[in-house]
Amino acid sequence: MGWKVAPGGKAAAAGEKLRLPASSAAARSRMKLWVVRATTTVLLWTCVVQLTAVGDTWGPRVLKGWPSCLTAPEEEAAAAALPGAAAARPQPVVEKAVLPPKRIYRNNGYLMVSCNGGLNQMRAAICDMVVIARYLNVTLVVPELDKTSFWNDPSEFQDIFDVEHFITSLRGEVRILRELPPRVKRRVELGMFYSMPPISWSDISYYQNHILPLIRKYKVLHLNRTDARLANNGLPIEIQKLRCRVNYASLRFTPQIEELGKRVIRILRQNGPFLVLHLRYEMDMLAFSGCTQGCSNEEAEELTRMRYAYPWWKEKVIDSDLKRKDGLCPLTPEETALVLRALDIDRSMQIYIAAGEIYGGKRRMAALTSAYPNVVRKETLLEPSDLMFFQNHSSQMAALDYLVSLESDIFVPTYDGNMAKVVEGHRRFALFHFVIQIIFCTRSFQHTRLHANRIDTVVSSEWCISNLLKK
């Protein structure tokens, strides 16, 4: 029976009331379906997360085969090319080291430094400059390296050291910038800064009382000499710790230098143990020290002319014999051969020469190569193409020698200079193998110091030579 009441009447209103319950039921049904789907999705994702978290221990095989967000595409491709790669689990990429939080402090100004000397002298100076910047609460600009000394090396800081690692590893101590901010840089270009050499062997109070006021006044201070400008002893332990941290952790060589150094070490290791001899018998060392034992008259005159040619070498008139008696001369190659024999170093031992060109060449090296025929250098171990980019960059060459010296079974310096001190300290820090330090003095003695996992033998050159001659 149909409805005959006109639209808009009471019957139509009643029909709408009858249809409302059906519409409400459909809405509730859709809501229930949505809730079920959402709950199921949450449960499934929860299960996946839990299984992934414990997948290394007992996760199902299907999860083992899933690509990981921690796996690099290059590693996946390399793993797929290996036999049985389908069953192997992709290796995760080593996560980046967590950086220390930045140290927040009120900046008193900017410190620019120009290092002078060879690689290891500059290395020690950089450690001092970081300490000074830290305790004066200033911003340090990445140090400028020496380009005008005897070595004439045009290398910049970033050519030798990993500059990004240097900056980030010390962010918890001091703010370091690659270059001055533009506004401050313009002031420097206009000459609105102060430049000076600090007093040698000063303690930290000198920098706080005399240098800090200059930085506050001029905003930018340039220290144009950095060698031995901070005392070695009598400083707070926190300063010494920071020095060590900079030297042995923050001053890391570039990846190119590190890789080439590792290659040299691998070549040496293939032939057994090796001794690194830092034979400091180079032209600059002899001219600076005035030690001319074994040199011809022409060579002695050449060394004297060179000493007078460098105004920053203050000592000009030198008595070579007197200096030798005071133990201030490097061992000659002939004396070095006697010392190694006195120490009973095996004749078949590989002797790696960590040095530049030996003054006098083959003539002066004859005694050493005769006693120890396995004398090698980086130039004889590597192809010329490997060293092509290192030519005329003596500091980069010295960095290679530094890396090989650290890893050697025995390290023997023939002069108590910067490299001898820095390498010996680094080896002690890392608890490496033997360090034989030769004491240059006139009295004869032998002294052995025991350390944690290593013996450091300290022996005088005269003791070695005299005892060898007695045999």
Protein backbone atom coordinates (compact mmCIF):
# COMPACT_ATOMS: atom_id res chain seq x y z
CA MET A 1 0.00 0.00 0.00
CA GLY A 2 1.62 3.31 -1.13
CA TRP A 3 1.86 6.67 0.46
CA LYS A 4 -0.55 9.20 -1.01
CA VAL A 5 0.22 12.15 1.10
CA ALA A 6 1.82 15.04 -0.83
CA PRO A 7 5.57 15.63 -0.40
CA GLY A 8 6.42 17.84 2.53
CA GLY A 9 3.53 16.43 4.64
CA LYS A 10 3.59 14.51 7.85
CA ALA A 11 3.97 11.19 6.06
CA ALA A 12 7.23 12.31 4.44
CA ALA A 13 8.59 13.40 7.79
CA ALA A 14 7.71 10.04 9.23
CA GLY A 15 9.56 8.33 6.35
CA GLU A 16 12.70 10.30 7.11
CA LYS A 17 12.49 9.27 10.74
CA LEU A 18 12.24 5.64 9.68
CA ARG A 19 15.39 5.88 7.51
CA LEU A 20 17.63 7.47 10.22
CA PRO A 21 18.37 4.29 12.18
CA ALA A 22 19.74 2.58 9.01
CA SER A 23 22.12 5.49 8.29
CA SER A 24 23.40 5.57 11.88
CA ALA A 25 24.09 1.83 11.83
CA ALA A 26 26.14 2.15 8.63
CA ALA A 27 28.26 4.93 10.18
CA ARG A 28 28.93 2.84 13.27
CA SER A 29 29.91 -0.10 11.06
CA ARG A 30 32.44 2.03 9.14
CA MET A 31 33.88 3.36 12.39
CA LYS A 32 34.38 -0.17 13.72
CA LEU A 33 36.13 -1.18 10.48
CA TRP A 34 38.47 1.83 10.67
CA VAL A 35 39.32 1.10 14.32
CA VAL A 36 40.06 -2.56 13.49
CA ARG A 37 42.33 -1.57 10.61
CA ALA A 38 44.20 1.04 12.67
CA THR A 39 44.67 -1.38 15.58
CA THR A 40 45.87 -4.13 13.26
CA THR A 41 48.36 -1.76 11.58
CA VAL A 42 49.76 -0.61 14.92
CA LEU A 43 50.13 -4.21 16.12
CA LEU A 44 51.85 -5.29 12.92
CA TRP A 45 54.36 -2.40 13.03
CA THR A 46 55.00 -3.11 16.70
CA CYS A 47 55.79 -6.73 15.85
CA VAL A 48 58.10 -5.69 13.01
CA VAL A 49 60.00 -3.25 15.23
CA GLN A 50 60.40 -5.84 17.99
CA LEU A 51 61.54 -8.56 15.60
CA THR A 52 64.00 -6.20 13.93
CA ALA A 53 65.44 -5.18 17.30
CA VAL A 54 66.17 -8.79 18.27
CA GLY A 55 66.81 -9.99 14.74
CA ASP A 56 70.56 -10.33 15.34
CA THR A 57 69.84 -12.97 17.95
CA TRP A 58 66.83 -15.01 16.83
CA GLY A 59 64.94 -13.07 14.17
CA PRO A 60 63.25 -15.05 11.41
CA ARG A 61 65.14 -15.59 8.18
CA VAL A 62 62.78 -13.43 6.20
CA LEU A 63 63.87 -10.46 8.33
CA LYS A 64 67.52 -11.41 7.98
CA GLY A 65 67.29 -10.86 4.25
CA TRP A 66 65.68 -7.44 4.42
CA PRO A 67 67.85 -4.47 3.48
CA SER A 68 68.96 -2.44 6.45
CA CYS A 69 68.82 1.33 6.66
CA LEU A 70 72.32 1.12 8.13
CA THR A 71 73.76 -0.73 5.14
CA ALA A 72 75.42 1.31 2.43
CA PRO A 73 74.43 0.54 -1.20
CA GLU A 74 78.09 0.05 -2.11
CA GLU A 75 78.49 -2.61 0.56
CA GLU A 76 75.33 -4.39 -0.61
CA ALA A 77 76.62 -4.48 -4.18
CA ALA A 78 80.01 -5.78 -3.09
CA ALA A 79 78.42 -8.44 -0.89
CA ALA A 80 76.13 -9.57 -3.70
CA ALA A 81 79.15 -10.18 -5.94
CA LEU A 82 80.76 -12.61 -3.48
CA PRO A 83 80.05 -16.36 -3.56
CA GLY A 84 77.32 -17.30 -1.14
CA ALA A 85 76.37 -13.67 -0.69
CA ALA A 86 72.67 -14.57 -0.61
CA ALA A 87 73.11 -16.31 2.69
CA ALA A 88 75.38 -13.65 4.17
CA ARG A 89 74.00 -10.80 6.22
CA PRO A 90 74.95 -7.33 4.95
CA GLN A 91 77.48 -5.61 7.20
CA PRO A 92 76.29 -2.35 8.78
CA VAL A 93 78.20 0.83 8.18
CA VAL A 94 80.18 2.09 11.17
CA GLU A 95 78.28 5.03 12.57
CA LYS A 96 79.96 8.40 12.72
CA ALA A 97 81.60 9.24 16.01
CA VAL A 98 79.50 11.36 18.30
CA LEU A 99 80.90 14.86 18.39
CA PRO A 100 81.52 16.50 21.74
CA PRO A 101 79.11 19.31 22.58
CA LYS A 102 80.35 22.76 21.71
CA ARG A 103 81.87 24.70 24.55
CA ILE A 104 79.90 27.90 25.06
CA TYR A 105 81.95 30.91 26.13
CA ARG A 106 82.11 34.63 25.58
CA ASN A 107 84.57 35.22 22.77
CA ASN A 108 87.30 37.71 23.71
CA GLY A 109 88.60 38.04 20.14
CA TYR A 110 90.43 36.19 17.38
CA LEU A 111 93.88 34.59 17.46
CA MET A 112 95.86 34.15 14.23
CA VAL A 113 99.15 32.24 14.31
CA SER A 114 101.97 31.70 11.81
CA CYS A 115 103.99 28.62 12.68
CA ASN A 116 107.71 28.44 11.94
CA GLY A 117 110.11 25.55 11.50
CA GLY A 118 109.76 22.00 10.26
CA LEU A 119 106.75 19.72 10.54
CA ASN A 120 107.27 18.53 14.10
CA GLN A 121 108.28 21.94 15.42
CA MET A 122 105.06 23.33 13.94
CA ARG A 123 103.11 20.37 15.31
CA ALA A 124 104.26 21.10 18.85
CA ALA A 125 103.53 24.81 18.34
CA ILE A 126 99.97 24.10 17.19
CA CYS A 127 99.36 22.22 20.43
CA ASP A 128 100.54 25.26 22.39
CA MET A 129 98.38 27.65 20.37
CA VAL A 130 95.25 25.57 20.97
CA VAL A 131 95.96 25.62 24.71
CA ILE A 132 96.48 29.39 24.68
CA ALA A 133 93.27 30.00 22.73
CA ARG A 134 91.35 27.73 25.08
CA TYR A 135 92.48 29.45 28.27
CA LEU A 136 92.10 32.97 26.88
CA ASN A 137 88.56 32.21 25.64
CA VAL A 138 89.31 33.37 22.11
CA THR A 139 88.53 31.99 18.65
CA LEU A 140 91.49 30.33 16.94
CA VAL A 141 91.92 30.59 13.18
CA VAL A 142 93.40 27.45 11.55
CA PRO A 143 97.18 27.99 11.84
CA GLU A 144 99.29 29.10 8.88
CA LEU A 145 102.29 26.86 8.19
CA ASP A 146 105.85 27.99 7.49
CA LYS A 147 106.61 28.54 3.79
CA THR A 148 109.79 30.63 3.99
CA SER A 149 112.25 28.47 5.92
CA PHE A 150 114.99 26.22 4.57
CA TRP A 151 112.47 23.60 3.44
CA ASN A 152 110.49 26.09 1.32
CA ASP A 153 107.36 23.94 1.51
CA PRO A 154 104.21 25.62 0.11
CA SER A 155 101.85 23.20 1.91
CA GLU A 156 98.84 24.61 3.72
CA PHE A 157 97.42 23.18 6.94
CA GLN A 158 94.74 21.23 5.07
CA ASP A 159 97.39 19.68 2.78
CA ILE A 160 98.95 17.88 5.75
CA PHE A 161 96.33 17.61 8.48
CA ASP A 162 92.68 16.61 8.42
CA VAL A 163 91.33 20.10 9.07
CA GLU A 164 87.71 19.02 9.61
CA HIS A 165 88.73 16.49 12.24
CA PHE A 166 90.98 19.09 13.88
CA ILE A 167 88.09 21.54 14.22
CA THR A 168 85.36 19.12 15.29
CA SER A 169 87.45 17.08 17.72
CA LEU A 170 88.29 20.23 19.69
CA ARG A 171 84.86 21.88 19.58
CA GLY A 172 84.36 20.96 23.22
CA GLU A 173 87.42 23.06 24.15
CA VAL A 174 87.80 25.97 21.75
CA ARG A 175 86.13 27.46 18.72
CA ILE A 176 88.29 27.06 15.59
CA LEU A 177 87.53 28.67 12.22
CA ARG A 178 89.03 27.99 8.80
CA GLU A 179 89.18 31.74 8.22
CA LEU A 180 88.07 34.97 9.84
CA PRO A 181 84.44 36.08 9.47
CA PRO A 182 84.03 38.55 6.54
CA ARG A 183 83.59 41.61 8.75
CA VAL A 184 86.68 40.80 10.83
CA LYS A 185 88.63 39.82 7.72
CA ARG A 186 88.07 43.28 6.27
CA ARG A 187 89.52 44.82 9.44
CA VAL A 188 92.65 42.70 9.04
CA GLU A 189 92.98 43.65 5.37
CA LEU A 190 92.88 47.29 6.46
CA GLY A 191 95.67 46.64 8.96
CA MET A 192 93.42 46.90 12.01
CA PHE A 193 95.10 44.15 14.04
CA TYR A 194 98.19 43.63 16.20
CA SER A 195 101.10 41.31 15.31
CA MET A 196 103.92 40.23 17.63
CA PRO A 197 106.14 37.31 18.66
CA PRO A 198 105.36 36.08 22.19
CA ILE A 199 108.17 35.58 24.69
CA SER A 200 109.69 32.10 24.60
CA TRP A 201 109.01 29.57 27.38
CA SER A 202 106.29 31.70 28.97
CA ASP A 203 103.76 30.23 31.38
CA ILE A 204 100.02 30.66 30.97
CA SER A 205 99.94 33.71 33.26
CA TYR A 206 102.00 35.66 30.69
CA TYR A 207 99.28 35.10 28.12
CA GLN A 208 96.51 35.96 30.57
CA ASN A 209 98.16 39.14 31.84
CA HIS A 210 99.86 40.47 28.68
CA ILE A 211 98.38 38.84 25.59
CA LEU A 212 94.69 38.80 26.54
CA PRO A 213 94.51 42.61 27.06
CA LEU A 214 95.96 43.06 23.56
CA ILE A 215 93.33 40.76 22.08
CA ARG A 216 90.55 42.66 23.84
CA LYS A 217 91.95 45.95 22.59
CA TYR A 218 92.58 45.04 18.95
CA LYS A 219 90.03 42.17 18.62
CA VAL A 220 92.50 40.32 16.34
CA LEU A 221 96.01 39.32 17.46
CA HIS A 222 98.57 37.68 15.18
CA LEU A 223 101.39 35.66 16.76
CA ASN A 224 104.09 35.56 14.09
CA ARG A 225 106.36 33.06 15.83
CA THR A 226 105.24 29.97 17.69
CA ASP A 227 108.30 27.83 18.44
CA ALA A 228 108.71 27.07 22.16
CA ARG A 229 106.47 29.96 23.20
CA LEU A 230 104.82 28.06 26.06
CA ALA A 231 106.72 26.49 28.94
CA ASN A 232 106.98 22.71 29.05
CA ASN A 233 106.86 22.28 32.81
CA GLY A 234 105.21 23.87 35.81
CA LEU A 235 101.82 24.14 34.09
CA PRO A 236 98.45 22.88 35.39
CA ILE A 237 97.72 19.24 34.57
CA GLU A 238 94.65 20.27 32.52
CA ILE A 239 96.92 22.21 30.14
CA GLN A 240 99.27 19.25 29.72
CA LYS A 241 96.34 16.91 29.07
CA LEU A 242 94.97 19.21 26.40
CA ARG A 243 98.40 19.41 24.77
CA CYS A 244 98.52 15.61 24.58
CA ARG A 245 94.99 15.40 23.26
CA VAL A 246 95.73 17.87 20.46
CA ASN A 247 98.99 16.16 19.53
CA TYR A 248 97.90 12.55 19.63
CA ALA A 249 94.20 12.73 18.77
CA SER A 250 93.29 15.95 16.97
CA LEU A 251 96.30 16.41 14.67
CA ARG A 252 95.52 13.60 12.26
CA PHE A 253 97.11 13.53 8.82
CA THR A 254 95.03 13.70 5.66
CA PRO A 255 93.55 10.42 4.35
CA GLN A 256 96.00 10.49 1.40
CA ILE A 257 99.04 10.69 3.69
CA GLU A 258 97.62 8.11 6.09
CA GLU A 259 96.93 5.63 3.27
CA LEU A 260 100.39 6.00 1.74
CA GLY A 261 101.98 5.61 5.17
CA LYS A 262 100.04 2.39 5.73
CA ARG A 263 101.24 1.09 2.38
CA VAL A 264 104.89 1.68 3.33
CA ILE A 265 104.31 -0.10 6.65
CA ARG A 266 102.68 -3.08 4.88
CA ILE A 267 105.66 -3.38 2.52
CA LEU A 268 108.08 -3.35 5.45
CA ARG A 269 106.02 -5.84 7.48
CA GLN A 270 106.07 -8.32 4.60
CA ASN A 271 109.82 -8.63 5.12
CA GLY A 272 109.73 -8.94 8.91
CA PRO A 273 110.50 -6.50 11.74
CA PHE A 274 112.04 -3.14 10.97
CA LEU A 275 113.92 -0.38 12.76
CA VAL A 276 113.31 3.28 11.95
CA LEU A 277 116.45 5.39 12.10
CA HIS A 278 115.84 9.11 12.29
CA LEU A 279 119.24 9.97 10.86
CA ARG A 280 119.32 13.72 11.40
CA TYR A 281 122.39 14.31 9.27
CA GLU A 282 120.89 16.74 6.82
CA MET A 283 122.29 20.00 5.54
CA ASP A 284 120.00 22.27 7.54
CA MET A 285 120.75 20.43 10.79
CA LEU A 286 124.52 20.63 10.30
CA ALA A 287 124.40 24.29 9.32
CA PHE A 288 122.19 25.18 12.29
CA SER A 289 124.21 23.22 14.85
CA GLY A 290 127.64 24.03 13.39
CA CYS A 291 128.67 20.38 13.61
CA THR A 292 131.10 19.58 10.79
CA GLN A 293 132.78 16.35 11.94
CA GLY A 294 133.75 14.26 8.93
CA CYS A 295 133.05 17.10 6.49
CA SER A 296 135.61 18.45 4.03
CA ASN A 297 136.78 22.05 4.25
CA GLU A 298 134.55 22.95 1.29
CA GLU A 299 131.53 21.36 2.99
CA ALA A 300 132.26 23.13 6.28
CA GLU A 301 132.45 26.48 4.47
CA GLU A 302 129.17 25.75 2.66
CA LEU A 303 127.45 24.99 5.97
CA THR A 304 128.80 28.20 7.51
CA ARG A 305 127.51 30.30 4.61
CA MET A 306 124.10 28.73 4.98
CA ARG A 307 124.02 29.50 8.72
CA TYR A 308 124.70 33.17 8.06
CA ALA A 309 122.06 33.24 5.32
CA TYR A 310 119.21 32.68 7.79
CA PRO A 311 118.93 35.66 10.17
CA TRP A 312 116.59 33.85 12.60
CA TRP A 313 119.37 31.35 13.37
CA LYS A 314 120.87 33.46 16.13
CA GLU A 315 124.07 31.50 16.83
CA LYS A 316 126.60 32.25 14.07
CA VAL A 317 130.11 31.63 15.43
CA ILE A 318 130.27 27.98 16.52
CA ASP A 319 133.19 25.82 17.65
CA SER A 320 132.30 22.44 16.21
CA ASP A 321 134.68 20.45 18.44
CA LEU A 322 133.44 22.13 21.62
CA LYS A 323 129.82 21.58 20.66
CA ARG A 324 130.55 17.93 20.03
CA LYS A 325 132.16 17.53 23.46
CA ASP A 326 129.03 19.05 25.00
CA GLY A 327 126.92 16.34 23.32
CA LEU A 328 125.01 18.80 21.13
CA CYS A 329 125.84 17.32 17.72
CA PRO A 330 123.85 14.68 15.84
CA LEU A 331 125.56 11.34 15.30
CA THR A 332 127.30 10.96 11.98
CA PRO A 333 126.29 7.98 9.79
CA GLU A 334 129.59 6.30 10.70
CA GLU A 335 128.94 6.73 14.44
CA THR A 336 125.39 5.50 13.98
CA ALA A 337 126.65 2.23 12.48
CA LEU A 338 128.87 1.74 15.54
CA VAL A 339 125.97 2.44 17.92
CA LEU A 340 123.65 -0.04 16.22
CA ARG A 341 126.35 -2.72 16.30
CA ALA A 342 127.02 -1.99 19.97
CA LEU A 343 123.31 -2.46 20.65
CA ASP A 344 123.60 -5.83 18.92
CA ILE A 345 121.04 -4.97 16.25
CA ASP A 346 120.86 -7.90 13.84
CA ARG A 347 122.71 -7.30 10.57
CA SER A 348 119.69 -8.52 8.59
CA MET A 349 117.32 -6.02 10.26
CA GLN A 350 115.53 -3.67 7.91
CA ILE A 351 116.72 -0.13 8.58
CA TYR A 352 114.25 2.50 7.37
CA ILE A 353 115.82 5.96 7.08
CA ALA A 354 113.34 8.58 8.26
CA ALA A 355 115.09 11.68 7.00
CA GLY A 356 115.65 13.90 4.01
CA GLU A 357 118.78 13.86 1.87
CA ILE A 358 121.84 12.86 3.90
CA TYR A 359 124.60 15.43 3.61
CA GLY A 360 127.54 13.91 1.77
CA GLY A 361 125.34 11.29 0.08
CA LYS A 362 126.63 7.77 -0.56
CA ARG A 363 130.13 8.63 0.67
CA ARG A 364 128.86 9.32 4.19
CA MET A 365 126.36 6.43 4.13
CA ALA A 366 128.93 3.82 3.06
CA ALA A 367 129.81 2.65 6.60
CA LEU A 368 126.14 2.28 7.58
CA THR A 369 125.06 0.42 4.44
CA SER A 370 128.10 -1.85 4.74
CA ALA A 371 127.19 -2.82 8.31
CA TYR A 372 123.46 -3.05 7.54
CA PRO A 373 122.78 -3.89 3.89
CA ASN A 374 118.97 -3.73 4.27
CA VAL A 375 118.82 0.06 4.43
CA VAL A 376 115.66 1.37 2.77
CA ARG A 377 113.84 4.65 2.30
CA LYS A 378 110.36 5.58 1.17
CA GLU A 379 111.81 6.46 -2.22
CA THR A 380 113.11 2.88 -2.65
CA LEU A 381 109.94 1.19 -1.37
CA LEU A 382 107.40 3.15 -3.42
CA GLU A 383 107.04 3.88 -7.09
CA PRO A 384 107.92 7.40 -8.28
CA SER A 385 104.28 7.91 -9.21
CA ASP A 386 103.27 7.28 -5.57
CA LEU A 387 105.43 10.18 -4.40
CA MET A 388 104.76 12.46 -7.36
CA PHE A 389 102.43 14.76 -5.42
CA PHE A 390 104.78 14.82 -2.42
CA GLN A 391 107.82 16.09 -4.29
CA ASN A 392 109.02 19.53 -3.10
CA HIS A 393 106.72 19.18 -0.09
CA SER A 394 109.15 18.27 2.66
CA SER A 395 106.55 18.51 5.43
CA GLN A 396 104.32 15.97 3.69
CA MET A 397 107.34 13.70 3.23
CA ALA A 398 108.11 14.12 6.93
CA ALA A 399 104.52 13.15 7.73
CA LEU A 400 105.07 9.81 5.96
CA ASP A 401 108.23 9.22 8.00
CA TYR A 402 106.30 10.11 11.16
CA LEU A 403 103.66 7.44 10.49
CA VAL A 404 106.27 4.77 9.74
CA SER A 405 108.22 5.74 12.87
CA LEU A 406 105.14 5.26 15.05
CA GLU A 407 104.59 1.72 13.81
CA SER A 408 108.22 0.57 13.81
CA ASP A 409 109.46 -2.23 16.05
CA ILE A 410 112.37 -0.03 17.19
CA PHE A 411 112.72 3.73 16.84
CA VAL A 412 116.22 5.24 17.05
CA PRO A 413 116.76 9.01 16.73
CA THR A 414 120.34 10.22 16.31
CA TYR A 415 119.57 13.73 17.60
CA ASP A 416 117.36 14.93 20.42
CA GLY A 417 115.29 17.21 18.21
CA ASN A 418 111.61 17.86 17.65
CA MET A 419 110.79 14.65 15.78
CA ALA A 420 112.62 12.51 18.33
CA LYS A 421 110.60 14.05 21.17
CA VAL A 422 107.22 14.04 19.46
CA VAL A 423 107.51 10.48 18.12
CA GLU A 424 108.84 9.13 21.41
CA GLY A 425 105.97 10.79 23.27
CA HIS A 426 103.43 9.43 20.79
CA ARG A 427 104.83 5.89 21.10
CA ARG A 428 104.73 6.09 24.88
CA PHE A 429 101.16 7.38 24.67
CA ALA A 430 100.16 4.45 22.45
CA LEU A 431 102.26 1.91 24.41
CA PHE A 432 104.14 0.83 21.31
CA HIS A 433 107.42 -1.09 21.11
CA PHE A 434 111.04 -0.14 21.78
CA VAL A 435 112.15 3.47 21.88
CA ILE A 436 115.94 3.77 22.01
CA GLN A 437 116.93 7.26 22.99
CA ILE A 438 120.61 8.09 22.66
CA ILE A 439 121.92 10.48 25.30
CA PHE A 440 124.64 12.71 23.90
CA CYS A 441 127.08 13.30 26.73
CA THR A 442 130.71 12.69 27.55
CA ARG A 443 130.30 10.37 30.51
CA SER A 444 129.55 6.69 29.95
CA PHE A 445 126.48 5.10 31.38
CA GLN A 446 123.59 2.83 30.55
CA HIS A 447 120.18 3.17 32.09
CA THR A 448 117.05 1.17 31.41
CA ARG A 449 113.59 2.39 32.39
CA LEU A 450 110.71 -0.06 32.65
CA HIS A 451 107.26 1.01 31.50
CA ALA A 452 103.88 -0.69 31.34
CA ASN A 453 104.28 -3.02 28.36
CA ARG A 454 107.56 -1.86 26.97
CA ILE A 455 111.21 -1.13 27.78
CA ASP A 456 112.74 2.19 26.83
CA THR A 457 116.52 1.88 26.66
CA VAL A 458 118.46 5.07 27.18
CA VAL A 459 122.12 4.68 26.31
CA SER A 460 124.96 7.09 25.69
CA SER A 461 126.71 7.15 22.33
CA GLU A 462 130.14 7.08 23.99
CA TRP A 463 129.17 3.96 25.97
CA CYS A 464 128.11 2.20 22.76
CA ILE A 465 131.17 3.21 20.78
CA SER A 466 133.70 2.49 23.55
CA ASN A 467 132.20 -0.90 24.32
CA LEU A 468 132.17 -1.84 20.65
CA LEU A 469 135.82 -0.91 20.28
CA LYS A 470 136.65 -3.15 23.26
CA LYS A 471 135.20 -6.21 21.48
